Amino acid sequence: MPREPRGRADRGVENGVAQGAQVLVKEAFVAEPYQRVDGIEVPKDVVQTPNGMYRAGKADGLFLMLRDADAAPTEAAWTYATINAEGEVTGLGRLDSCIRCHERAPFDGLYGLSRSGVRGR
């Protein structure tokens, strides 16, 4: 049975406030070089970087962020995890490589698009 929405705060960080008891999962993919072909439009999933053009290749694992319901709304509330393509947990905890990036995130350790004039802090 679908859950009834409880308003803006129930839908994530779009109002600038991270919510408790969250699990976020991001898939990682191998970056495959893309070679432009004259006369053929570049596919929409191709990304241009200073080092060339790439598109997502095979699945390469998962990045996870876990937040306790009682945690304060800061980056420090998050526990990070990484899982490789074979399904093995390769990192779990307050991972330095994750913290270095997410401590600068505008929404309590999360990145995302602003809505309705919401600005990062």
Protein backbone atom coordinates (compact mmCIF):
# COMPACT_ATOMS: atom_id res chain seq x y z
CA MET A 1 0.00 0.00 0.00
CA PRO A 2 1.48 3.41 -0.94
CA ARG A 3 2.48 5.64 1.91
CA GLU A 4 0.72 8.97 2.29
CA PRO A 5 3.08 11.93 1.86
CA ARG A 6 3.54 14.03 5.00
CA GLY A 7 4.55 17.24 3.25
CA ARG A 8 7.74 18.74 1.92
CA ALA A 9 9.96 17.61 4.78
CA ASP A 10 9.13 13.98 4.04
CA ARG A 11 10.54 14.16 0.53
CA GLY A 12 14.25 14.55 1.25
CA VAL A 13 16.51 17.56 1.25
CA GLU A 14 14.69 19.82 -1.18
CA ASN A 15 13.66 22.16 1.63
CA GLY A 16 17.26 22.32 2.88
CA VAL A 17 16.77 19.99 5.85
CA ALA A 18 18.11 16.43 5.82
CA GLN A 19 15.74 13.87 7.27
CA GLY A 20 16.47 11.11 9.81
CA ALA A 21 16.64 7.37 9.11
CA GLN A 22 17.82 7.62 5.52
CA VAL A 23 19.72 5.21 3.33
CA LEU A 24 21.06 6.60 0.07
CA VAL A 25 22.50 4.36 -2.64
CA LYS A 26 24.46 5.51 -5.70
CA GLU A 27 25.57 3.15 -8.42
CA ALA A 28 29.10 3.46 -9.79
CA PHE A 29 30.06 2.59 -13.36
CA VAL A 30 33.32 2.20 -15.25
CA ALA A 31 33.94 5.29 -17.41
CA GLU A 32 34.16 4.12 -21.03
CA PRO A 33 35.86 6.49 -23.49
CA TYR A 34 33.55 7.67 -26.28
CA GLN A 35 34.89 8.53 -29.72
CA ARG A 36 32.86 11.09 -31.65
CA VAL A 37 31.84 9.98 -35.15
CA ASP A 38 31.36 12.67 -37.82
CA GLY A 39 27.74 13.04 -38.89
CA ILE A 40 26.34 11.19 -35.86
CA GLU A 41 24.80 13.10 -32.96
CA VAL A 42 26.55 12.52 -29.63
CA PRO A 43 24.26 10.44 -27.37
CA LYS A 44 22.74 12.24 -24.37
CA ASP A 45 24.48 9.92 -21.90
CA VAL A 46 27.94 11.03 -23.05
CA VAL A 47 29.80 13.40 -20.71
CA GLN A 48 32.44 15.85 -21.96
CA THR A 49 35.40 16.37 -19.60
CA PRO A 50 38.74 18.16 -20.09
CA ASN A 51 40.24 14.67 -20.61
CA GLY A 52 37.80 13.51 -23.28
CA MET A 53 34.30 12.14 -23.76
CA TYR A 54 32.94 9.26 -21.66
CA ARG A 55 29.82 7.22 -21.07
CA ALA A 56 28.86 4.72 -18.37
CA GLY A 57 30.20 1.23 -18.91
CA LYS A 58 29.70 -1.86 -16.76
CA ALA A 59 28.49 -1.61 -13.18
CA ASP A 60 31.38 -1.10 -10.76
CA GLY A 61 29.78 -1.19 -7.30
CA LEU A 62 27.75 0.94 -4.94
CA PHE A 63 28.26 3.90 -2.62
CA LEU A 64 25.94 4.02 0.40
CA MET A 65 25.17 6.62 3.04
CA LEU A 66 23.27 5.59 6.17
CA ARG A 67 21.78 8.05 8.66
CA ASP A 68 20.35 7.21 12.07
CA ALA A 69 16.90 8.69 12.82
CA ASP A 70 18.18 10.36 16.01
CA ALA A 71 21.31 11.90 14.49
CA ALA A 72 21.90 15.65 14.35
CA PRO A 73 21.42 17.26 10.91
CA THR A 74 25.09 17.53 9.94
CA GLU A 75 27.54 15.61 7.77
CA ALA A 76 28.74 13.87 10.95
CA ALA A 77 25.38 12.04 11.12
CA TRP A 78 26.31 9.84 8.17
CA THR A 79 27.96 6.42 8.07
CA TYR A 80 29.42 5.56 4.68
CA ALA A 81 29.85 2.24 2.91
CA THR A 82 31.27 1.01 -0.37
CA ILE A 83 30.47 -2.27 -2.08
CA ASN A 84 32.39 -3.59 -5.09
CA ALA A 85 30.87 -5.11 -8.23
CA GLU A 86 31.10 -8.60 -6.68
CA GLY A 87 28.93 -7.52 -3.73
CA GLU A 88 31.72 -7.41 -1.13
CA VAL A 89 31.73 -4.58 1.42
CA THR A 90 35.01 -2.74 0.83
CA GLY A 91 34.54 0.08 3.33
CA LEU A 92 32.19 0.87 6.21
CA GLY A 93 32.16 3.67 8.76
CA ARG A 94 33.29 7.28 8.83
CA LEU A 95 35.39 6.93 5.67
CA ASP A 96 37.88 9.78 5.17
CA SER A 97 37.49 9.79 1.38
CA CYS A 98 33.72 10.29 1.76
CA ILE A 99 33.95 12.82 4.59
CA ARG A 100 36.40 15.07 2.68
CA CYS A 101 33.82 15.61 -0.05
CA HIS A 102 30.54 15.52 1.89
CA GLU A 103 31.64 17.90 4.65
CA ARG A 104 31.38 20.66 2.01
CA ALA A 105 27.89 19.62 0.85
CA PRO A 106 25.20 22.29 1.23
CA PHE A 107 22.45 20.13 2.74
CA ASP A 108 23.78 18.52 5.94
CA GLY A 109 26.27 16.34 4.10
CA LEU A 110 24.15 15.87 0.98
CA TYR A 111 24.38 17.33 -2.50
CA GLY A 112 21.36 18.12 -4.62
CA LEU A 113 19.58 20.74 -6.64
CA SER A 114 18.06 23.78 -5.00
CA ARG A 115 14.29 24.14 -5.25
CA SER A 116 12.07 27.15 -4.63
CA GLY A 117 14.98 29.42 -3.93
CA VAL A 118 16.55 27.15 -1.28
CA ARG A 119 20.27 27.87 -1.10
CA GLY A 120 23.03 25.80 0.42
CA ARG A 121 24.33 26.90 3.78
